[in-house]
């Protein structure tokens, strides 16, 4: 059995780029970013930080697990999300078609 060194945290981490519960919008900053179209432009909530290689990633370079209501959860690089003011979470919601 292979040992999985991944570290998944669901609490705030000093030095991490985001906080648990932060409202974030999924964006594409590079033409070759593989952001799923169903998440693109949506606002969700940070639910976990995933460190595939904790020795090199911790604490500043995690994958960020985001939950988008009505869509699901996925992992994103820091460059693929932007924090939004809490009031915008209500204004944008998780979909403009609701």
N, C-alpha and C. Protein backbone atom coordinates (compact mmCIF):
# COMPACT_ATOMS: atom_id res chain seq x y z
N UNK A 1 0.85 -1.18 0.00
CA UNK A 1 0.00 0.00 0.00
C UNK A 1 0.89 1.24 0.00
N UNK A 2 0.61 2.14 -0.90
CA UNK A 2 1.40 3.37 -1.02
C UNK A 2 0.90 4.41 -0.02
N UNK A 3 1.83 5.06 0.64
CA UNK A 3 1.49 6.12 1.59
C UNK A 3 1.14 7.40 0.84
N UNK A 4 -0.01 7.98 1.16
CA UNK A 4 -0.44 9.24 0.55
C UNK A 4 -0.02 10.38 1.47
N UNK A 5 0.91 11.22 1.02
CA UNK A 5 1.41 12.30 1.87
C UNK A 5 0.51 13.53 1.90
N UNK A 6 -0.62 13.51 1.18
CA UNK A 6 -1.49 14.68 1.10
C UNK A 6 -1.97 15.12 2.48
N UNK A 7 -2.16 16.41 2.59
CA UNK A 7 -2.66 17.01 3.82
C UNK A 7 -3.88 17.84 3.45
N UNK A 8 -5.03 17.53 4.04
CA UNK A 8 -6.26 18.26 3.77
C UNK A 8 -6.71 18.91 5.07
N UNK A 9 -6.80 20.24 5.05
CA UNK A 9 -7.15 20.98 6.26
C UNK A 9 -8.45 21.75 6.06
N UNK A 10 -9.31 21.71 7.06
CA UNK A 10 -10.58 22.42 7.00
C UNK A 10 -10.64 23.52 8.05
N UNK A 11 -9.47 23.98 8.44
CA UNK A 11 -9.37 25.10 9.39
C UNK A 11 -8.39 26.12 8.83
N UNK A 12 -8.46 27.34 9.34
CA UNK A 12 -7.56 28.39 8.87
C UNK A 12 -6.11 28.01 9.13
N UNK A 13 -5.24 28.40 8.19
CA UNK A 13 -3.81 28.13 8.29
C UNK A 13 -3.08 29.46 8.16
N UNK A 14 -2.25 29.79 9.15
CA UNK A 14 -1.44 31.00 9.06
C UNK A 14 -0.54 30.92 7.84
N UNK A 15 -0.55 31.96 7.01
CA UNK A 15 0.28 32.00 5.81
C UNK A 15 -0.39 31.47 4.56
N UNK A 16 -1.61 30.93 4.69
CA UNK A 16 -2.35 30.44 3.52
C UNK A 16 -2.95 31.63 2.78
N UNK A 17 -3.20 31.49 1.47
CA UNK A 17 -3.71 32.61 0.69
C UNK A 17 -5.17 32.97 0.95
N UNK A 18 -5.95 32.08 1.57
CA UNK A 18 -7.37 32.33 1.85
C UNK A 18 -7.73 31.76 3.21
N UNK A 19 -8.89 32.16 3.70
CA UNK A 19 -9.42 31.68 4.97
C UNK A 19 -10.63 30.78 4.70
N UNK A 20 -10.87 29.86 5.61
CA UNK A 20 -12.06 29.02 5.51
C UNK A 20 -13.30 29.90 5.54
N UNK A 21 -14.26 29.58 4.70
CA UNK A 21 -15.50 30.33 4.65
C UNK A 21 -15.46 31.58 3.80
N UNK A 22 -14.29 31.91 3.25
CA UNK A 22 -14.19 33.10 2.40
C UNK A 22 -15.01 32.92 1.13
N UNK A 23 -15.69 33.98 0.72
CA UNK A 23 -16.41 33.96 -0.55
C UNK A 23 -15.42 34.27 -1.67
N UNK A 24 -15.38 33.41 -2.68
CA UNK A 24 -14.45 33.58 -3.79
C UNK A 24 -15.17 33.37 -5.12
N UNK A 25 -14.67 34.06 -6.15
CA UNK A 25 -15.19 33.85 -7.50
C UNK A 25 -14.15 33.07 -8.29
N UNK A 26 -14.62 32.12 -9.08
CA UNK A 26 -13.74 31.31 -9.91
C UNK A 26 -13.48 32.07 -11.21
N UNK A 27 -12.20 32.25 -11.54
CA UNK A 27 -11.81 33.03 -12.73
C UNK A 27 -10.78 32.25 -13.55
N UNK A 28 -10.59 32.67 -14.77
CA UNK A 28 -9.54 32.11 -15.63
C UNK A 28 -8.55 33.23 -15.91
N UNK A 29 -7.30 33.05 -15.50
CA UNK A 29 -6.29 34.08 -15.71
C UNK A 29 -5.30 33.73 -16.80
N UNK A 30 -5.25 32.46 -17.17
CA UNK A 30 -4.36 31.99 -18.23
C UNK A 30 -5.20 31.28 -19.27
N UNK A 31 -4.90 31.47 -20.56
CA UNK A 31 -5.70 30.81 -21.61
C UNK A 31 -5.74 29.29 -21.47
N UNK A 32 -4.68 28.70 -20.93
CA UNK A 32 -4.65 27.24 -20.83
C UNK A 32 -5.10 26.72 -19.46
N UNK A 33 -5.65 27.59 -18.59
CA UNK A 33 -6.19 27.12 -17.31
C UNK A 33 -7.33 26.14 -17.59
N UNK A 34 -7.33 25.05 -16.87
CA UNK A 34 -8.33 24.01 -17.09
C UNK A 34 -9.53 24.17 -16.15
N UNK A 35 -9.99 25.38 -15.97
CA UNK A 35 -11.13 25.64 -15.10
C UNK A 35 -12.39 25.13 -15.78
N UNK A 36 -13.16 24.33 -15.06
CA UNK A 36 -14.41 23.81 -15.59
C UNK A 36 -15.38 24.95 -15.86
N UNK A 37 -16.00 24.92 -17.03
CA UNK A 37 -16.94 25.98 -17.42
C UNK A 37 -18.11 26.10 -16.44
N UNK A 38 -18.49 25.00 -15.80
CA UNK A 38 -19.63 25.07 -14.88
C UNK A 38 -19.31 25.86 -13.61
N UNK A 39 -18.01 26.02 -13.30
CA UNK A 39 -17.60 26.81 -12.14
C UNK A 39 -17.20 28.24 -12.52
N UNK A 40 -16.78 28.45 -13.74
CA UNK A 40 -16.24 29.74 -14.18
C UNK A 40 -17.24 30.87 -13.96
N UNK A 41 -16.79 31.93 -13.26
CA UNK A 41 -17.63 33.09 -13.01
C UNK A 41 -18.58 32.94 -11.83
N UNK A 42 -18.58 31.78 -11.21
CA UNK A 42 -19.48 31.53 -10.07
C UNK A 42 -18.79 31.91 -8.76
N UNK A 43 -19.60 32.20 -7.78
CA UNK A 43 -19.09 32.51 -6.45
C UNK A 43 -19.37 31.33 -5.54
N UNK A 44 -18.36 30.95 -4.77
CA UNK A 44 -18.50 29.85 -3.83
C UNK A 44 -17.79 30.15 -2.53
N UNK A 45 -17.68 29.13 -1.70
CA UNK A 45 -17.10 29.27 -0.36
C UNK A 45 -15.92 28.32 -0.21
N UNK A 46 -14.82 28.81 0.34
CA UNK A 46 -13.65 27.98 0.60
C UNK A 46 -13.99 27.01 1.73
N UNK A 47 -13.79 25.69 1.46
CA UNK A 47 -14.12 24.68 2.47
C UNK A 47 -12.90 23.87 2.92
N UNK A 48 -11.80 23.91 2.16
CA UNK A 48 -10.61 23.15 2.57
C UNK A 48 -9.38 23.64 1.81
N UNK A 49 -8.22 23.34 2.39
CA UNK A 49 -6.93 23.57 1.75
C UNK A 49 -6.29 22.20 1.56
N UNK A 50 -5.83 21.91 0.35
CA UNK A 50 -5.25 20.60 0.04
C UNK A 50 -3.79 20.79 -0.34
N UNK A 51 -2.93 20.11 0.39
CA UNK A 51 -1.49 20.16 0.15
C UNK A 51 -1.06 18.79 -0.35
N UNK A 52 -0.89 18.63 -1.68
CA UNK A 52 -0.46 17.35 -2.25
C UNK A 52 0.95 17.00 -1.82
N UNK A 53 1.79 18.01 -1.68
CA UNK A 53 3.18 17.83 -1.26
C UNK A 53 3.45 18.83 -0.14
N UNK A 54 3.03 18.48 1.08
CA UNK A 54 3.12 19.43 2.19
C UNK A 54 4.52 20.01 2.41
N UNK A 55 5.55 19.22 2.16
CA UNK A 55 6.91 19.72 2.39
C UNK A 55 7.24 20.95 1.55
N UNK A 56 6.69 21.03 0.34
CA UNK A 56 6.99 22.18 -0.53
C UNK A 56 5.84 23.18 -0.61
N UNK A 57 4.61 22.75 -0.37
CA UNK A 57 3.45 23.63 -0.54
C UNK A 57 3.01 24.36 0.73
N UNK A 58 3.22 23.75 1.88
CA UNK A 58 2.68 24.30 3.12
C UNK A 58 3.48 25.51 3.58
N UNK A 59 2.86 26.60 3.97
CA UNK A 59 1.43 26.87 4.05
C UNK A 59 0.90 27.72 2.89
N UNK A 60 1.79 28.24 2.04
CA UNK A 60 1.39 29.31 1.11
C UNK A 60 0.89 28.84 -0.26
N UNK A 61 1.00 27.55 -0.60
CA UNK A 61 0.68 27.13 -1.97
C UNK A 61 -0.25 25.92 -2.03
N UNK A 62 -1.41 25.98 -1.39
CA UNK A 62 -2.32 24.84 -1.44
C UNK A 62 -3.20 24.86 -2.68
N UNK A 63 -3.82 23.73 -2.97
CA UNK A 63 -4.99 23.73 -3.83
C UNK A 63 -6.14 24.13 -2.92
N UNK A 64 -7.08 24.88 -3.45
CA UNK A 64 -8.16 25.42 -2.62
C UNK A 64 -9.47 24.76 -3.04
N UNK A 65 -10.09 24.08 -2.08
CA UNK A 65 -11.36 23.41 -2.35
C UNK A 65 -12.49 24.40 -2.12
N UNK A 66 -13.31 24.59 -3.17
CA UNK A 66 -14.39 25.57 -3.14
C UNK A 66 -15.71 24.85 -3.40
N UNK A 67 -16.72 25.19 -2.60
CA UNK A 67 -18.07 24.65 -2.78
C UNK A 67 -18.95 25.75 -3.38
N UNK A 68 -19.56 25.44 -4.52
CA UNK A 68 -20.49 26.36 -5.19
C UNK A 68 -21.88 25.74 -5.10
N UNK A 69 -22.80 26.44 -4.47
CA UNK A 69 -24.16 25.93 -4.29
C UNK A 69 -24.79 25.57 -5.63
N UNK A 70 -25.38 24.40 -5.70
CA UNK A 70 -26.05 23.97 -6.92
C UNK A 70 -25.13 23.43 -7.99
N UNK A 71 -23.81 23.52 -7.77
CA UNK A 71 -22.84 23.05 -8.77
C UNK A 71 -21.99 21.92 -8.20
N UNK A 72 -21.48 22.12 -6.98
CA UNK A 72 -20.63 21.11 -6.35
C UNK A 72 -19.34 21.70 -5.82
N UNK A 73 -18.33 20.83 -5.67
CA UNK A 73 -17.03 21.24 -5.15
C UNK A 73 -15.94 20.87 -6.14
N UNK A 74 -14.87 21.67 -6.16
CA UNK A 74 -13.71 21.35 -6.98
C UNK A 74 -12.49 22.03 -6.36
N UNK A 75 -11.32 21.66 -6.87
CA UNK A 75 -10.06 22.22 -6.40
C UNK A 75 -9.56 23.26 -7.39
N UNK A 76 -9.00 24.36 -6.87
CA UNK A 76 -8.52 25.44 -7.71
C UNK A 76 -7.16 25.93 -7.23
N UNK A 77 -6.35 26.40 -8.18
CA UNK A 77 -5.10 27.07 -7.83
C UNK A 77 -5.44 28.47 -7.33
N UNK A 78 -4.56 29.05 -6.56
CA UNK A 78 -4.77 30.40 -6.02
C UNK A 78 -5.07 31.39 -7.13
N UNK A 79 -4.40 31.28 -8.28
CA UNK A 79 -4.60 32.23 -9.38
C UNK A 79 -6.00 32.10 -10.01
N UNK A 80 -6.72 31.01 -9.72
CA UNK A 80 -8.02 30.78 -10.33
C UNK A 80 -9.19 31.26 -9.47
N UNK A 81 -8.88 31.90 -8.35
CA UNK A 81 -9.95 32.44 -7.50
C UNK A 81 -9.61 33.86 -7.09
N UNK A 82 -10.64 34.65 -6.87
CA UNK A 82 -10.47 35.99 -6.31
C UNK A 82 -11.49 36.14 -5.18
N UNK A 83 -11.03 36.70 -4.07
CA UNK A 83 -11.96 36.92 -2.96
C UNK A 83 -12.93 38.03 -3.34
N UNK A 84 -14.17 37.87 -2.91
CA UNK A 84 -15.19 38.89 -3.16
C UNK A 84 -15.73 39.35 -1.82
N UNK A 85 -16.11 40.62 -1.73
CA UNK A 85 -16.69 41.11 -0.48
C UNK A 85 -17.92 40.27 -0.12
N UNK A 86 -18.15 40.08 1.15
CA UNK A 86 -19.24 39.22 1.60
C UNK A 86 -20.58 39.64 1.00
N UNK A 87 -20.85 40.93 0.85
CA UNK A 87 -22.10 41.38 0.26
C UNK A 87 -22.29 40.93 -1.17
N UNK A 88 -21.18 40.78 -1.91
CA UNK A 88 -21.27 40.33 -3.29
C UNK A 88 -21.69 38.88 -3.39
N UNK A 89 -21.39 38.09 -2.36
CA UNK A 89 -21.80 36.69 -2.37
C UNK A 89 -23.32 36.59 -2.48
N UNK A 90 -24.02 37.46 -1.74
CA UNK A 90 -25.47 37.48 -1.78
C UNK A 90 -25.94 38.02 -3.12
N UNK A 91 -25.29 39.08 -3.62
CA UNK A 91 -25.71 39.69 -4.88
C UNK A 91 -25.51 38.75 -6.06
N UNK A 92 -24.35 38.08 -6.11
CA UNK A 92 -24.07 37.18 -7.22
C UNK A 92 -24.72 35.83 -7.01
N UNK A 93 -24.80 35.40 -5.75
CA UNK A 93 -25.30 34.07 -5.46
C UNK A 93 -24.42 33.04 -6.12
N UNK A 94 -24.93 31.86 -6.35
CA UNK A 94 -24.15 30.83 -7.01
C UNK A 94 -24.54 30.73 -8.47
N UNK A 95 -25.59 31.45 -8.85
CA UNK A 95 -26.05 31.40 -10.24
C UNK A 95 -26.91 32.62 -10.51
N UNK A 96 -26.80 33.15 -11.70
CA UNK A 96 -27.64 34.31 -12.05
C UNK A 96 -28.96 33.87 -12.65
N UNK A 97 -29.17 32.55 -12.78
CA UNK A 97 -30.39 32.07 -13.40
C UNK A 97 -31.44 31.63 -12.38
N UNK A 98 -31.10 31.79 -11.06
CA UNK A 98 -31.97 31.30 -9.99
C UNK A 98 -33.20 32.04 -9.89
